[in-house]
């Protein structure tokens, strides 16, 4: 996501153990916002499989889901869709 000036990353955590979430974020060195909001996640993202990634465009339209994987094909698909959403 670095260098994507028009992109923002937000993570919604549904974990009940906030200390564990904070520790994980610190351990991984993540700098993006993480909010704890199970009710919001259930309302906005009624999916049973977690973790899951979505791309939301500037108009609030959500794309399909993206696998939580770092394989080349998944990353290239996300980059292509990010470019499209930024237009």
C-alpha atoms as a PDB file:
ATOM      1  CA  UNK A   1       0.000   0.000   0.000  1.00  0.00           C
ATOM      2  CA  UNK A   2       2.985   2.299   0.332  1.00  0.00           C
ATOM      3  CA  UNK A   3       2.995   4.955  -2.326  1.00  0.00           C
ATOM      4  CA  UNK A   4      -0.771   4.725  -2.862  1.00  0.00           C
ATOM      5  CA  UNK A   5      -1.610   8.331  -1.971  1.00  0.00           C
ATOM      6  CA  UNK A   6      -5.315   7.874  -2.659  1.00  0.00           C
ATOM      7  CA  UNK A   7      -5.620   4.642  -0.689  1.00  0.00           C
ATOM      8  CA  UNK A   8      -6.293   4.262   3.007  1.00  0.00           C
ATOM      9  CA  UNK A   9      -6.222   1.108   5.061  1.00  0.00           C
ATOM     10  CA  UNK A  10      -8.534   0.547   8.010  1.00  0.00           C
ATOM     11  CA  UNK A  11      -8.730  -2.601  10.061  1.00  0.00           C
ATOM     12  CA  UNK A  12     -11.782  -3.570  12.069  1.00  0.00           C
ATOM     13  CA  UNK A  13     -10.993  -5.979  14.872  1.00  0.00           C
ATOM     14  CA  UNK A  14     -13.695  -8.216  16.310  1.00  0.00           C
ATOM     15  CA  UNK A  15     -11.482  -9.638  19.043  1.00  0.00           C
ATOM     16  CA  UNK A  16     -12.602  -9.330  22.643  1.00  0.00           C
ATOM     17  CA  UNK A  17      -9.040  -9.258  24.033  1.00  0.00           C
ATOM     18  CA  UNK A  18      -7.949  -5.686  23.271  1.00  0.00           C
ATOM     19  CA  UNK A  19      -4.559  -6.173  24.937  1.00  0.00           C
ATOM     20  CA  UNK A  20      -3.794  -9.066  22.583  1.00  0.00           C
ATOM     21  CA  UNK A  21      -4.804  -6.950  19.571  1.00  0.00           C
ATOM     22  CA  UNK A  22      -2.583  -4.063  20.688  1.00  0.00           C
ATOM     23  CA  UNK A  23       0.313  -6.457  21.295  1.00  0.00           C
ATOM     24  CA  UNK A  24      -0.069  -8.015  17.845  1.00  0.00           C
ATOM     25  CA  UNK A  25      -0.177  -4.595  16.147  1.00  0.00           C
ATOM     26  CA  UNK A  26       2.930  -3.490  18.048  1.00  0.00           C
ATOM     27  CA  UNK A  27       4.759  -6.774  17.370  1.00  0.00           C
ATOM     28  CA  UNK A  28       4.108  -6.549  13.621  1.00  0.00           C
ATOM     29  CA  UNK A  29       4.952  -2.832  13.474  1.00  0.00           C
ATOM     30  CA  UNK A  30       1.644  -1.926  11.819  1.00  0.00           C
ATOM     31  CA  UNK A  31       0.931   1.788  11.536  1.00  0.00           C
ATOM     32  CA  UNK A  32      -2.580   1.753  10.052  1.00  0.00           C
ATOM     33  CA  UNK A  33      -5.669   2.420  12.192  1.00  0.00           C
ATOM     34  CA  UNK A  34      -7.350  -0.491  13.936  1.00  0.00           C
ATOM     35  CA  UNK A  35     -10.734  -0.062  15.565  1.00  0.00           C
ATOM     36  CA  UNK A  36     -12.445  -2.609  17.763  1.00  0.00           C
ATOM     37  CA  UNK A  37     -16.022  -2.771  16.561  1.00  0.00           C
ATOM     38  CA  UNK A  38     -17.659  -6.182  16.424  1.00  0.00           C
ATOM     39  CA  UNK A  39     -21.164  -4.683  15.986  1.00  0.00           C
ATOM     40  CA  UNK A  40     -19.995  -2.471  13.121  1.00  0.00           C
ATOM     41  CA  UNK A  41     -18.237  -5.400  11.446  1.00  0.00           C
ATOM     42  CA  UNK A  42     -21.366  -7.542  11.761  1.00  0.00           C
ATOM     43  CA  UNK A  43     -23.476  -4.777  10.222  1.00  0.00           C
ATOM     44  CA  UNK A  44     -21.130  -3.757   7.392  1.00  0.00           C
ATOM     45  CA  UNK A  45     -19.433  -7.048   6.668  1.00  0.00           C
ATOM     46  CA  UNK A  46     -21.833  -9.913   7.343  1.00  0.00           C
ATOM     47  CA  UNK A  47     -19.349 -12.624   6.437  1.00  0.00           C
ATOM     48  CA  UNK A  48     -18.489 -15.597   8.553  1.00  0.00           C
ATOM     49  CA  UNK A  49     -14.913 -16.143   7.422  1.00  0.00           C
ATOM     50  CA  UNK A  50     -12.291 -13.940   9.005  1.00  0.00           C
ATOM     51  CA  UNK A  51      -9.877 -12.460   8.264  1.00  0.00           C
ATOM     52  CA  UNK A  52     -11.220 -10.998   5.046  1.00  0.00           C
ATOM     53  CA  UNK A  53     -10.245  -7.970   2.980  1.00  0.00           C
ATOM     54  CA  UNK A  54     -12.480  -5.624   0.989  1.00  0.00           C
ATOM     55  CA  UNK A  55     -11.773  -2.713  -1.288  1.00  0.00           C
ATOM     56  CA  UNK A  56     -14.156   0.231  -0.872  1.00  0.00           C
ATOM     57  CA  UNK A  57     -14.109   2.943  -3.508  1.00  0.00           C
ATOM     58  CA  UNK A  58     -14.480   6.702  -2.958  1.00  0.00           C
ATOM     59  CA  UNK A  59     -18.265   6.363  -3.320  1.00  0.00           C
ATOM     60  CA  UNK A  60     -18.478   3.741  -0.573  1.00  0.00           C
ATOM     61  CA  UNK A  61     -19.077   0.827  -2.928  1.00  0.00           C
ATOM     62  CA  UNK A  62     -17.511  -2.377  -1.661  1.00  0.00           C
ATOM     63  CA  UNK A  63     -15.844  -4.756  -4.061  1.00  0.00           C
ATOM     64  CA  UNK A  64     -15.737  -8.482  -3.756  1.00  0.00           C
ATOM     65  CA  UNK A  65     -13.628 -10.010  -1.058  1.00  0.00           C
ATOM     66  CA  UNK A  66      -9.897 -10.564  -1.301  1.00  0.00           C
ATOM     67  CA  UNK A  67      -8.168 -13.538   0.256  1.00  0.00           C
ATOM     68  CA  UNK A  68      -5.954 -12.913   3.239  1.00  0.00           C
ATOM     69  CA  UNK A  69      -2.891 -14.098   1.369  1.00  0.00           C
ATOM     70  CA  UNK A  70       0.352 -12.704   0.123  1.00  0.00           C
ATOM     71  CA  UNK A  71       0.544 -14.665  -3.109  1.00  0.00           C
ATOM     72  CA  UNK A  72       1.502 -12.767  -6.256  1.00  0.00           C
ATOM     73  CA  UNK A  73      -1.816 -13.248  -8.062  1.00  0.00           C
ATOM     74  CA  UNK A  74      -3.849 -11.908  -5.115  1.00  0.00           C
ATOM     75  CA  UNK A  75      -1.583  -8.884  -4.733  1.00  0.00           C
ATOM     76  CA  UNK A  76      -1.710  -8.077  -8.453  1.00  0.00           C
ATOM     77  CA  UNK A  77      -5.517  -8.341  -8.473  1.00  0.00           C
ATOM     78  CA  UNK A  78      -5.719  -5.981  -5.507  1.00  0.00           C
ATOM     79  CA  UNK A  79      -3.312  -3.479  -7.132  1.00  0.00           C
ATOM     80  CA  UNK A  80      -5.320  -3.496 -10.344  1.00  0.00           C
ATOM     81  CA  UNK A  81      -8.569  -2.950  -8.454  1.00  0.00           C
ATOM     82  CA  UNK A  82      -6.978  -0.207  -6.323  1.00  0.00           C
ATOM     83  CA  UNK A  83      -5.950   1.638  -9.474  1.00  0.00           C
ATOM     84  CA  UNK A  84      -9.479   1.277 -10.827  1.00  0.00           C
ATOM     85  CA  UNK A  85     -11.107   2.481  -7.616  1.00  0.00           C
ATOM     86  CA  UNK A  86      -8.799   5.516  -7.448  1.00  0.00           C
ATOM     87  CA  UNK A  87     -10.061   6.800 -10.826  1.00  0.00           C
END
